[in-house]
Amino acid sequence: MTAVQHEARAPEAEETVSVLLYSDDSTTRELVLTGVGRRASIDSPRILWQETATPAAVVDYVENGRYDLVILDGESAKFGGMGLCRSLKTEIYQCPPVLLLIARPQDAWLASWSEADAVVSMPLDPITLQETVADLVRRR
């Protein structure tokens, strides 16, 4: 009788991506979190979310952290995501891709000025949001 050997395998680490989400409105942040979920698509990695409500925290997180995607609310009351996006893109070396949430499709030209990598307009359609996030994550 021969013994059967089983190789001990370490469980494979699940691939993840880090996403930074900025809005001064907790409702907007919740809409994004529930709209995208844990994964943007079946073939994309699990998302590790970091939420913030202040522009200063966004700058600090992007300068000192490692994010695969940044989602900014272009309609934040105190400091809109469009100006913040422009600052990140021009001042931070190897800035991660930025998805900008805009109020209306007609605001896309402003998003272009801000150097956003993609835009999604309000009201947020979960399918469009998921597809856009999945596309940006795949490009990384």
Protein backbone atom coordinates (compact mmCIF):
# COMPACT_ATOMS: atom_id res chain seq x y z
CA MET A 1 0.00 0.00 0.00
CA THR A 2 1.48 3.36 -0.96
CA ALA A 3 0.81 6.55 0.83
CA VAL A 4 -0.76 9.36 -1.12
CA GLN A 5 1.02 12.62 -0.64
CA HIS A 6 -0.86 15.87 -0.71
CA GLU A 7 1.05 19.04 -1.32
CA ALA A 8 0.16 21.72 1.10
CA ARG A 9 -0.80 24.72 -0.96
CA ALA A 10 -0.98 28.20 0.36
CA PRO A 11 -4.30 29.76 -0.50
CA GLU A 12 -3.93 32.07 -3.46
CA ALA A 13 -4.13 35.69 -2.51
CA GLU A 14 -7.12 37.29 -4.12
CA GLU A 15 -6.22 40.16 -6.41
CA THR A 16 -7.51 43.52 -5.22
CA VAL A 17 -7.53 47.12 -6.39
CA SER A 18 -7.58 50.21 -4.20
CA VAL A 19 -10.12 52.88 -5.03
CA LEU A 20 -10.28 56.29 -3.38
CA LEU A 21 -13.76 57.85 -3.33
CA TYR A 22 -14.25 61.56 -2.62
CA SER A 23 -17.49 63.40 -2.03
CA ASP A 24 -18.53 65.78 0.71
CA ASP A 25 -21.99 64.23 0.41
CA SER A 26 -22.34 60.88 2.20
CA THR A 27 -25.37 60.04 0.04
CA THR A 28 -23.27 60.33 -3.13
CA ARG A 29 -20.56 58.14 -1.62
CA GLU A 30 -23.18 55.53 -0.67
CA LEU A 31 -24.65 55.59 -4.20
CA VAL A 32 -21.21 54.88 -5.66
CA LEU A 33 -20.42 52.15 -3.16
CA THR A 34 -23.71 50.34 -3.70
CA GLY A 35 -23.71 51.01 -7.45
CA VAL A 36 -20.28 49.46 -8.00
CA GLY A 37 -20.23 46.95 -5.15
CA ARG A 38 -17.28 44.75 -4.20
CA ARG A 39 -16.33 44.17 -7.82
CA ALA A 40 -17.02 46.31 -10.85
CA SER A 41 -17.47 43.21 -13.02
CA ILE A 42 -17.20 39.46 -12.76
CA ASP A 43 -13.73 39.51 -14.30
CA SER A 44 -12.32 42.40 -12.28
CA PRO A 45 -10.52 42.26 -8.93
CA ARG A 46 -12.19 42.90 -5.59
CA ILE A 47 -12.23 46.58 -4.65
CA LEU A 48 -10.76 47.93 -1.43
CA TRP A 49 -12.59 51.23 -0.88
CA GLN A 50 -11.21 54.29 0.90
CA GLU A 51 -13.72 57.08 1.43
CA THR A 52 -13.02 60.72 2.19
CA ALA A 53 -15.06 63.90 2.45
CA THR A 54 -12.30 66.51 2.21
CA PRO A 55 -10.05 67.64 -0.63
CA ALA A 56 -7.03 67.78 1.71
CA ALA A 57 -7.48 64.10 2.53
CA VAL A 58 -7.65 63.25 -1.19
CA VAL A 59 -4.32 64.98 -1.83
CA ASP A 60 -2.75 63.31 1.20
CA TYR A 61 -4.03 59.84 0.23
CA VAL A 62 -2.90 60.16 -3.40
CA GLU A 63 0.53 61.57 -2.48
CA ASN A 64 1.22 58.99 0.23
CA GLY A 65 -0.80 55.96 -0.82
CA ARG A 66 -1.12 53.59 -3.73
CA TYR A 67 -4.46 53.81 -5.50
CA ASP A 68 -5.47 52.16 -8.74
CA LEU A 69 -8.38 54.56 -9.27
CA VAL A 70 -9.68 57.80 -7.80
CA ILE A 71 -13.39 58.71 -8.04
CA LEU A 72 -14.17 62.38 -7.47
CA ASP A 73 -17.55 64.07 -7.07
CA GLY A 74 -17.48 67.00 -9.49
CA GLU A 75 -20.40 68.56 -7.68
CA SER A 76 -18.97 68.69 -4.16
CA ALA A 77 -20.07 71.95 -2.59
CA LYS A 78 -16.91 73.11 -0.85
CA PHE A 79 -14.30 72.16 -3.42
CA GLY A 80 -15.51 70.47 -6.55
CA GLY A 81 -13.89 67.38 -7.95
CA MET A 82 -13.13 69.05 -11.27
CA GLY A 83 -10.64 71.51 -9.79
CA LEU A 84 -9.28 68.81 -7.53
CA CYS A 85 -8.81 66.48 -10.50
CA ARG A 86 -6.95 69.18 -12.42
CA SER A 87 -4.65 69.75 -9.41
CA LEU A 88 -3.95 66.03 -8.98
CA LYS A 89 -3.22 65.51 -12.68
CA THR A 90 -0.86 68.48 -12.95
CA GLU A 91 0.89 68.25 -9.57
CA ILE A 92 1.24 64.55 -8.74
CA TYR A 93 3.71 62.40 -10.61
CA GLN A 94 2.04 59.26 -11.97
CA CYS A 95 -1.39 60.25 -10.74
CA PRO A 96 -3.79 57.29 -10.87
CA PRO A 97 -6.71 57.35 -13.29
CA VAL A 98 -9.56 59.63 -12.21
CA LEU A 99 -13.27 59.05 -12.73
CA LEU A 100 -15.25 62.25 -12.36
CA LEU A 101 -18.93 62.28 -11.39
CA ILE A 102 -20.67 65.20 -13.12
CA ALA A 103 -24.14 66.71 -12.77
CA ARG A 104 -25.06 66.71 -16.45
CA PRO A 105 -23.69 65.27 -19.67
CA GLN A 106 -23.23 68.88 -20.87
CA ASP A 107 -20.51 69.30 -18.22
CA ALA A 108 -18.24 66.82 -20.02
CA TRP A 109 -16.23 69.69 -21.54
CA LEU A 110 -15.29 70.81 -18.01
CA ALA A 111 -14.26 67.28 -17.17
CA SER A 112 -12.04 67.37 -20.25
CA TRP A 113 -10.38 70.55 -18.91
CA SER A 114 -9.81 68.79 -15.58
CA GLU A 115 -7.95 65.96 -17.38
CA ALA A 116 -10.29 63.29 -15.99
CA ASP A 117 -9.79 59.85 -17.53
CA ALA A 118 -13.55 59.17 -17.61
CA VAL A 119 -16.85 60.74 -16.57
CA VAL A 120 -20.20 59.45 -15.42
CA SER A 121 -23.15 61.82 -15.18
CA MET A 122 -25.80 62.03 -12.50
CA PRO A 123 -28.16 60.49 -11.72
CA LEU A 124 -25.81 57.54 -11.42
CA ASP A 125 -26.75 54.52 -13.48
CA PRO A 126 -25.22 51.50 -11.69
CA ILE A 127 -24.52 49.65 -14.96
CA THR A 128 -22.73 52.61 -16.54
CA LEU A 129 -20.83 53.23 -13.31
CA GLN A 130 -19.77 49.56 -13.02
CA GLU A 131 -18.68 49.38 -16.68
CA THR A 132 -16.68 52.59 -16.41
CA VAL A 133 -14.93 51.52 -13.20
CA ALA A 134 -14.22 48.06 -14.66
CA ASP A 135 -12.74 49.64 -17.80
CA LEU A 136 -10.47 51.97 -15.81
CA VAL A 137 -9.33 49.11 -13.55
CA ARG A 138 -8.52 46.92 -16.57
CA ARG A 139 -6.34 49.67 -18.06
CA ARG A 140 -4.11 49.95 -14.99
